[in-house]
Amino acid sequence: MASSLTGAFAFVYVFILISAYKWHMMPFTTKQVWLMTGIGLGFFLLYTAASATLSLLGHDMGIFITGSWKPSVIMVGFGVFLLFDRVTFHSRVINRIAQSAFAVYLITDYAVSEKLLWTRLFNLQDLYQ
C-alpha cells in the first residue's frame, strides 16, 4: 500500500513540476538544461563518494540520494527529458511500427479480448510448469 501511494504522490509531484515549467516559466536554454543536468549529476556523484568513504571508515549511512524521486535524480531526469524534447526525428518506418505496437497493446489489454486471447485461444498455463 505504501509503495503505491509513494508512486501516486511522486507522479503528482513530477506532474506539478512539469506543469509549472510549461505554464509559468520561460523555456530553459540548452546551456541551462546542461547546467541543471550537470549539477544534479554532481550532487549524485559527490554524495556517492562521501557515502562510500564513510562506509569504508565504518559509518554506513546508506545512499538515500539515489532513490526514486530524490531532487538530484529529478534534476538529471528532467534535464535529459528537456534535451531529448529538443530533438526532432521523423521516420515513416518507426512511426508505423509504433502505431502497430500501440494497436496490439490496446487489443491485448482490453478486458474482454484479454480473456478471449489468454484464457481460451492461447492458454499458456501449462507452459508455466
N, C-alpha and C. Protein backbone atom coordinates (compact mmCIF):
# COMPACT_ATOMS: atom_id res chain seq x y z
N MET A 1 0.83 -1.19 0.00
CA MET A 1 0.00 0.00 0.00
C MET A 1 0.87 1.26 0.00
N ALA A 2 1.91 1.25 0.81
CA ALA A 2 2.74 2.45 0.92
C ALA A 2 3.49 2.73 -0.38
N SER A 3 3.96 1.67 -1.06
CA SER A 3 4.70 1.92 -2.29
C SER A 3 3.79 2.43 -3.40
N SER A 4 2.51 1.99 -3.41
CA SER A 4 1.60 2.52 -4.42
C SER A 4 1.27 3.98 -4.14
N LEU A 5 1.16 4.35 -2.87
CA LEU A 5 0.94 5.75 -2.53
C LEU A 5 2.16 6.59 -2.87
N THR A 6 3.34 6.05 -2.62
CA THR A 6 4.56 6.76 -2.97
C THR A 6 4.59 7.01 -4.47
N GLY A 7 4.24 6.01 -5.25
CA GLY A 7 4.21 6.18 -6.70
C GLY A 7 3.20 7.21 -7.14
N ALA A 8 2.03 7.22 -6.51
CA ALA A 8 0.98 8.17 -6.86
C ALA A 8 1.41 9.59 -6.49
N PHE A 9 1.95 9.77 -5.28
CA PHE A 9 2.38 11.10 -4.86
C PHE A 9 3.57 11.57 -5.69
N ALA A 10 4.46 10.66 -6.03
CA ALA A 10 5.61 11.01 -6.86
C ALA A 10 5.15 11.45 -8.25
N PHE A 11 4.15 10.76 -8.79
CA PHE A 11 3.61 11.16 -10.09
C PHE A 11 3.01 12.56 -10.02
N VAL A 12 2.25 12.84 -8.96
CA VAL A 12 1.64 14.17 -8.80
C VAL A 12 2.75 15.21 -8.65
N TYR A 13 3.80 14.89 -7.91
CA TYR A 13 4.93 15.79 -7.71
C TYR A 13 5.58 16.14 -9.05
N VAL A 14 5.88 15.12 -9.86
CA VAL A 14 6.50 15.36 -11.16
C VAL A 14 5.54 16.10 -12.09
N PHE A 15 4.26 15.76 -12.03
CA PHE A 15 3.27 16.45 -12.85
C PHE A 15 3.21 17.93 -12.51
N ILE A 16 3.26 18.27 -11.23
CA ILE A 16 3.24 19.67 -10.82
C ILE A 16 4.51 20.39 -11.30
N LEU A 17 5.66 19.73 -11.18
CA LEU A 17 6.91 20.34 -11.64
C LEU A 17 6.86 20.62 -13.14
N ILE A 18 6.44 19.64 -13.92
CA ILE A 18 6.39 19.82 -15.38
C ILE A 18 5.34 20.86 -15.76
N SER A 19 4.18 20.84 -15.10
CA SER A 19 3.14 21.82 -15.39
C SER A 19 3.61 23.24 -15.07
N ALA A 20 4.26 23.42 -13.94
CA ALA A 20 4.77 24.74 -13.57
C ALA A 20 5.78 25.21 -14.60
N TYR A 21 6.64 24.31 -15.07
CA TYR A 21 7.63 24.68 -16.09
C TYR A 21 6.93 25.08 -17.39
N LYS A 22 5.99 24.27 -17.84
CA LYS A 22 5.32 24.54 -19.12
C LYS A 22 4.44 25.77 -19.07
N TRP A 23 3.74 26.02 -17.97
CA TRP A 23 2.76 27.10 -17.91
C TRP A 23 3.33 28.44 -17.48
N HIS A 24 4.30 28.42 -16.55
CA HIS A 24 4.69 29.67 -15.90
C HIS A 24 6.14 30.10 -16.12
N MET A 25 6.94 29.29 -16.74
CA MET A 25 8.35 29.62 -16.87
C MET A 25 8.73 29.81 -18.33
N MET A 26 9.75 30.63 -18.54
CA MET A 26 10.33 30.74 -19.87
C MET A 26 11.10 29.45 -20.14
N PRO A 27 11.09 28.95 -21.38
CA PRO A 27 11.83 27.72 -21.67
C PRO A 27 13.32 27.88 -21.36
N PHE A 28 13.90 26.83 -20.79
CA PHE A 28 15.33 26.85 -20.48
C PHE A 28 16.13 26.82 -21.78
N THR A 29 17.26 27.49 -21.75
CA THR A 29 18.18 27.38 -22.88
C THR A 29 18.90 26.04 -22.77
N THR A 30 19.54 25.66 -23.85
CA THR A 30 20.27 24.39 -23.85
C THR A 30 21.39 24.43 -22.81
N LYS A 31 22.03 25.59 -22.66
CA LYS A 31 23.09 25.74 -21.66
C LYS A 31 22.53 25.54 -20.25
N GLN A 32 21.36 26.09 -19.95
CA GLN A 32 20.74 25.93 -18.64
C GLN A 32 20.35 24.47 -18.38
N VAL A 33 19.88 23.79 -19.43
CA VAL A 33 19.50 22.39 -19.27
C VAL A 33 20.73 21.55 -18.97
N TRP A 34 21.82 21.78 -19.70
CA TRP A 34 23.06 21.05 -19.43
C TRP A 34 23.58 21.36 -18.02
N LEU A 35 23.45 22.63 -17.60
CA LEU A 35 23.89 23.01 -16.26
C LEU A 35 23.07 22.30 -15.19
N MET A 36 21.74 22.26 -15.36
CA MET A 36 20.88 21.57 -14.39
C MET A 36 21.22 20.08 -14.32
N THR A 37 21.42 19.46 -15.48
CA THR A 37 21.77 18.04 -15.51
C THR A 37 23.13 17.81 -14.85
N GLY A 38 24.08 18.68 -15.13
CA GLY A 38 25.40 18.55 -14.53
C GLY A 38 25.39 18.74 -13.02
N ILE A 39 24.62 19.71 -12.53
CA ILE A 39 24.52 19.93 -11.09
C ILE A 39 23.88 18.72 -10.41
N GLY A 40 22.81 18.20 -10.99
CA GLY A 40 22.17 17.00 -10.42
C GLY A 40 23.13 15.82 -10.40
N LEU A 41 23.87 15.63 -11.49
CA LEU A 41 24.84 14.55 -11.55
C LEU A 41 25.99 14.79 -10.56
N GLY A 42 26.38 16.06 -10.42
CA GLY A 42 27.44 16.40 -9.46
C GLY A 42 27.03 16.09 -8.03
N PHE A 43 25.78 16.47 -7.64
CA PHE A 43 25.28 16.13 -6.31
C PHE A 43 25.28 14.63 -6.09
N PHE A 44 24.82 13.91 -7.10
CA PHE A 44 24.78 12.45 -7.01
C PHE A 44 26.17 11.87 -6.80
N LEU A 45 27.14 12.29 -7.62
CA LEU A 45 28.50 11.76 -7.52
C LEU A 45 29.17 12.18 -6.21
N LEU A 46 28.96 13.43 -5.79
CA LEU A 46 29.55 13.91 -4.54
C LEU A 46 29.02 13.12 -3.35
N TYR A 47 27.72 12.95 -3.29
CA TYR A 47 27.15 12.22 -2.16
C TYR A 47 27.54 10.74 -2.20
N THR A 48 27.60 10.17 -3.40
CA THR A 48 28.01 8.77 -3.51
C THR A 48 29.45 8.59 -3.03
N ALA A 49 30.33 9.50 -3.42
CA ALA A 49 31.73 9.43 -2.97
C ALA A 49 31.82 9.60 -1.46
N ALA A 50 31.07 10.55 -0.92
CA ALA A 50 31.09 10.77 0.54
C ALA A 50 30.53 9.55 1.27
N SER A 51 29.46 8.99 0.75
CA SER A 51 28.86 7.83 1.39
C SER A 51 29.79 6.62 1.33
N ALA A 52 30.47 6.43 0.19
CA ALA A 52 31.41 5.31 0.06
C ALA A 52 32.59 5.49 1.01
N THR A 53 33.08 6.72 1.12
CA THR A 53 34.19 6.99 2.02
C THR A 53 33.79 6.74 3.47
N LEU A 54 32.63 7.23 3.87
CA LEU A 54 32.16 6.99 5.23
C LEU A 54 31.91 5.51 5.48
N SER A 55 31.45 4.80 4.48
CA SER A 55 31.21 3.36 4.62
C SER A 55 32.52 2.62 4.84
N LEU A 56 33.57 3.03 4.14
CA LEU A 56 34.88 2.41 4.34
C LEU A 56 35.42 2.69 5.73
N LEU A 57 35.05 3.83 6.30
CA LEU A 57 35.51 4.18 7.65
C LEU A 57 34.62 3.58 8.74
N GLY A 58 33.58 2.84 8.34
CA GLY A 58 32.73 2.17 9.33
C GLY A 58 31.44 2.88 9.66
N HIS A 59 31.14 3.95 8.98
CA HIS A 59 29.90 4.70 9.21
C HIS A 59 28.99 4.50 8.01
N ASP A 60 28.26 3.40 8.00
CA ASP A 60 27.40 3.09 6.85
C ASP A 60 26.10 3.88 6.96
N MET A 61 25.98 4.91 6.13
CA MET A 61 24.81 5.78 6.15
C MET A 61 23.76 5.36 5.13
N GLY A 62 24.14 4.60 4.13
CA GLY A 62 23.22 4.26 3.05
C GLY A 62 23.14 5.41 2.06
N ILE A 63 22.94 5.08 0.82
CA ILE A 63 22.88 6.11 -0.22
C ILE A 63 21.42 6.41 -0.50
N PHE A 64 20.86 7.38 0.22
CA PHE A 64 19.45 7.70 0.04
C PHE A 64 19.22 8.70 -1.08
N ILE A 65 20.25 9.38 -1.54
CA ILE A 65 20.06 10.40 -2.56
C ILE A 65 19.80 9.79 -3.94
N THR A 66 20.11 8.50 -4.10
CA THR A 66 19.92 7.87 -5.40
C THR A 66 18.55 7.23 -5.54
N GLY A 67 17.70 7.30 -4.54
CA GLY A 67 16.38 6.70 -4.62
C GLY A 67 15.48 7.45 -5.59
N SER A 68 14.41 6.81 -5.94
CA SER A 68 13.45 7.43 -6.85
C SER A 68 12.90 8.71 -6.26
N TRP A 69 12.69 9.69 -7.11
CA TRP A 69 12.03 10.95 -6.77
C TRP A 69 12.86 11.84 -5.86
N LYS A 70 14.15 11.60 -5.76
CA LYS A 70 15.01 12.50 -4.99
C LYS A 70 15.41 13.68 -5.88
N PRO A 71 15.72 14.83 -5.30
CA PRO A 71 15.99 16.04 -6.11
C PRO A 71 17.08 15.87 -7.16
N SER A 72 18.19 15.21 -6.82
CA SER A 72 19.25 15.06 -7.82
C SER A 72 18.80 14.18 -8.98
N VAL A 73 18.04 13.14 -8.69
CA VAL A 73 17.54 12.25 -9.74
C VAL A 73 16.52 12.99 -10.61
N ILE A 74 15.67 13.81 -9.98
CA ILE A 74 14.70 14.60 -10.73
C ILE A 74 15.41 15.61 -11.62
N MET A 75 16.47 16.24 -11.12
CA MET A 75 17.21 17.22 -11.93
C MET A 75 17.81 16.58 -13.16
N VAL A 76 18.44 15.43 -12.99
CA VAL A 76 19.05 14.74 -14.12
C VAL A 76 17.97 14.26 -15.09
N GLY A 77 16.92 13.66 -14.56
CA GLY A 77 15.85 13.15 -15.42
C GLY A 77 15.15 14.24 -16.18
N PHE A 78 14.83 15.36 -15.52
CA PHE A 78 14.16 16.47 -16.16
C PHE A 78 15.07 17.11 -17.21
N GLY A 79 16.36 17.22 -16.88
CA GLY A 79 17.31 17.77 -17.85
C GLY A 79 17.43 16.91 -19.09
N VAL A 80 17.54 15.62 -18.91
CA VAL A 80 17.64 14.71 -20.05
C VAL A 80 16.34 14.75 -20.87
N PHE A 81 15.20 14.82 -20.17
CA PHE A 81 13.92 14.93 -20.87
C PHE A 81 13.88 16.19 -21.73
N LEU A 82 14.31 17.32 -21.17
CA LEU A 82 14.31 18.57 -21.93
C LEU A 82 15.28 18.53 -23.09
N LEU A 83 16.41 17.85 -22.93
CA LEU A 83 17.36 17.72 -24.05
C LEU A 83 16.75 16.91 -25.19
N PHE A 84 16.12 15.79 -24.85
CA PHE A 84 15.52 14.96 -25.89
C PHE A 84 14.25 15.59 -26.46
N ASP A 85 13.62 16.50 -25.71
CA ASP A 85 12.45 17.20 -26.21
C ASP A 85 12.82 18.13 -27.37
N ARG A 86 14.06 18.56 -27.41
CA ARG A 86 14.53 19.46 -28.47
C ARG A 86 14.90 18.72 -29.75
N VAL A 87 15.05 17.43 -29.68
CA VAL A 87 15.45 16.64 -30.85
C VAL A 87 14.21 16.32 -31.68
N THR A 88 14.30 16.56 -32.95
CA THR A 88 13.20 16.18 -33.84
C THR A 88 13.68 15.03 -34.71
N PHE A 89 12.85 14.02 -34.82
CA PHE A 89 13.20 12.83 -35.57
C PHE A 89 11.95 12.31 -36.24
N HIS A 90 11.99 12.12 -37.54
CA HIS A 90 10.84 11.63 -38.27
C HIS A 90 11.26 10.43 -39.12
N SER A 91 10.54 9.35 -38.95
CA SER A 91 10.78 8.15 -39.74
C SER A 91 9.45 7.44 -39.96
N ARG A 92 9.09 7.25 -41.21
CA ARG A 92 7.83 6.56 -41.51
C ARG A 92 7.83 5.15 -40.96
N VAL A 93 8.95 4.46 -41.08
CA VAL A 93 9.02 3.07 -40.64
C VAL A 93 8.80 2.98 -39.13
N ILE A 94 9.51 3.82 -38.37
CA ILE A 94 9.39 3.78 -36.92
C ILE A 94 7.99 4.20 -36.48
N ASN A 95 7.43 5.21 -37.13
CA ASN A 95 6.06 5.63 -36.78
C ASN A 95 5.06 4.52 -37.07
N ARG A 96 5.23 3.79 -38.15
CA ARG A 96 4.32 2.70 -38.50
C ARG A 96 4.44 1.56 -37.47
N ILE A 97 5.65 1.23 -37.08
CA ILE A 97 5.87 0.18 -36.08
C ILE A 97 5.25 0.60 -34.75
N ALA A 98 5.43 1.86 -34.37
CA ALA A 98 4.87 2.36 -33.10
C ALA A 98 3.35 2.30 -33.13
N GLN A 99 2.74 2.68 -34.24
CA GLN A 99 1.28 2.62 -34.34
C GLN A 99 0.80 1.18 -34.22
N SER A 100 1.48 0.27 -34.88
CA SER A 100 1.09 -1.13 -34.83
C SER A 100 1.26 -1.70 -33.42
N ALA A 101 2.36 -1.37 -32.77
CA ALA A 101 2.59 -1.88 -31.42
C ALA A 101 1.54 -1.34 -30.46
N PHE A 102 1.16 -0.08 -30.61
CA PHE A 102 0.15 0.50 -29.73
C PHE A 102 -1.20 -0.17 -29.96
N ALA A 103 -1.54 -0.45 -31.21
CA ALA A 103 -2.80 -1.12 -31.50
C ALA A 103 -2.82 -2.52 -30.89
N VAL A 104 -1.73 -3.26 -31.01
CA VAL A 104 -1.65 -4.59 -30.42
C VAL A 104 -1.77 -4.50 -28.90
N TYR A 105 -1.12 -3.54 -28.30
CA TYR A 105 -1.23 -3.35 -26.85
C TYR A 105 -2.68 -3.09 -26.45
N LEU A 106 -3.35 -2.19 -27.15
CA LEU A 106 -4.74 -1.88 -26.80
C LEU A 106 -5.64 -3.10 -26.94
N ILE A 107 -5.44 -3.88 -27.99
CA ILE A 107 -6.27 -5.07 -28.20
C ILE A 107 -6.03 -6.10 -27.10
N THR A 108 -4.78 -6.33 -26.76
CA THR A 108 -4.48 -7.37 -25.77
C THR A 108 -4.76 -6.92 -24.34
N ASP A 109 -4.83 -5.62 -24.09
CA ASP A 109 -5.08 -5.15 -22.73
C ASP A 109 -6.57 -4.94 -22.45
N TYR A 110 -7.41 -4.93 -23.45
CA TYR A 110 -8.85 -4.78 -23.27
C TYR A 110 -9.36 -6.03 -22.55
N ALA A 111 -10.15 -5.86 -21.48
CA ALA A 111 -10.54 -6.96 -20.60
C ALA A 111 -11.23 -8.11 -21.34
N VAL A 112 -12.13 -7.80 -22.25
CA VAL A 112 -12.85 -8.86 -22.96
C VAL A 112 -11.91 -9.63 -23.88
N SER A 113 -11.10 -8.92 -24.66
CA SER A 113 -10.17 -9.60 -25.55
C SER A 113 -9.05 -10.30 -24.78
N GLU A 114 -8.70 -9.77 -23.63
CA GLU A 114 -7.67 -10.41 -22.79
C GLU A 114 -8.12 -11.81 -22.37
N LYS A 115 -9.36 -11.92 -21.95
CA LYS A 115 -9.89 -13.23 -21.55
C LYS A 115 -9.96 -14.17 -22.74
N LEU A 116 -10.42 -13.66 -23.88
CA LEU A 116 -10.51 -14.49 -25.09
C LEU A 116 -9.13 -14.97 -25.52
N LEU A 117 -8.17 -14.05 -25.57
CA LEU A 117 -6.84 -14.40 -26.06
C LEU A 117 -6.09 -15.33 -25.12
N TRP A 118 -6.00 -14.94 -23.83
CA TRP A 118 -5.08 -15.62 -22.92
C TRP A 118 -5.73 -16.73 -22.11
N THR A 119 -7.04 -16.87 -22.16
CA THR A 119 -7.69 -17.97 -21.45
C THR A 119 -8.21 -19.02 -22.41
N ARG A 120 -8.81 -18.58 -23.50
CA ARG A 120 -9.41 -19.54 -24.44
C ARG A 120 -8.49 -19.93 -25.59
N LEU A 121 -7.94 -18.94 -26.30
CA LEU A 121 -7.16 -19.26 -27.50
C LEU A 121 -5.72 -19.66 -27.19
N PHE A 122 -5.05 -18.91 -26.37
CA PHE A 122 -3.63 -19.15 -26.07
C PHE A 122 -3.45 -19.39 -24.58
N ASN A 123 -3.98 -20.47 -24.07
CA ASN A 123 -3.86 -20.78 -22.65
C ASN A 123 -2.45 -21.30 -22.40
N LEU A 124 -1.64 -20.47 -21.79
CA LEU A 124 -0.23 -20.79 -21.57
C LEU A 124 0.06 -21.29 -20.15
N GLN A 125 -0.97 -21.62 -19.41
CA GLN A 125 -0.78 -22.03 -18.02
C GLN A 125 0.03 -23.32 -17.93
N ASP A 126 -0.14 -24.23 -18.88
CA ASP A 126 0.61 -25.48 -18.84
C ASP A 126 2.11 -25.25 -19.08
N LEU A 127 2.46 -24.19 -19.77
CA LEU A 127 3.87 -23.90 -20.04
C LEU A 127 4.60 -23.35 -18.82
N TYR A 128 3.86 -22.80 -17.85
CA TYR A 128 4.49 -22.24 -16.66
C TYR A 128 5.17 -23.31 -15.83
N GLN A 129 4.70 -24.53 -15.89
CA GLN A 129 5.25 -25.61 -15.08
C GLN A 129 6.58 -26.01 -15.69
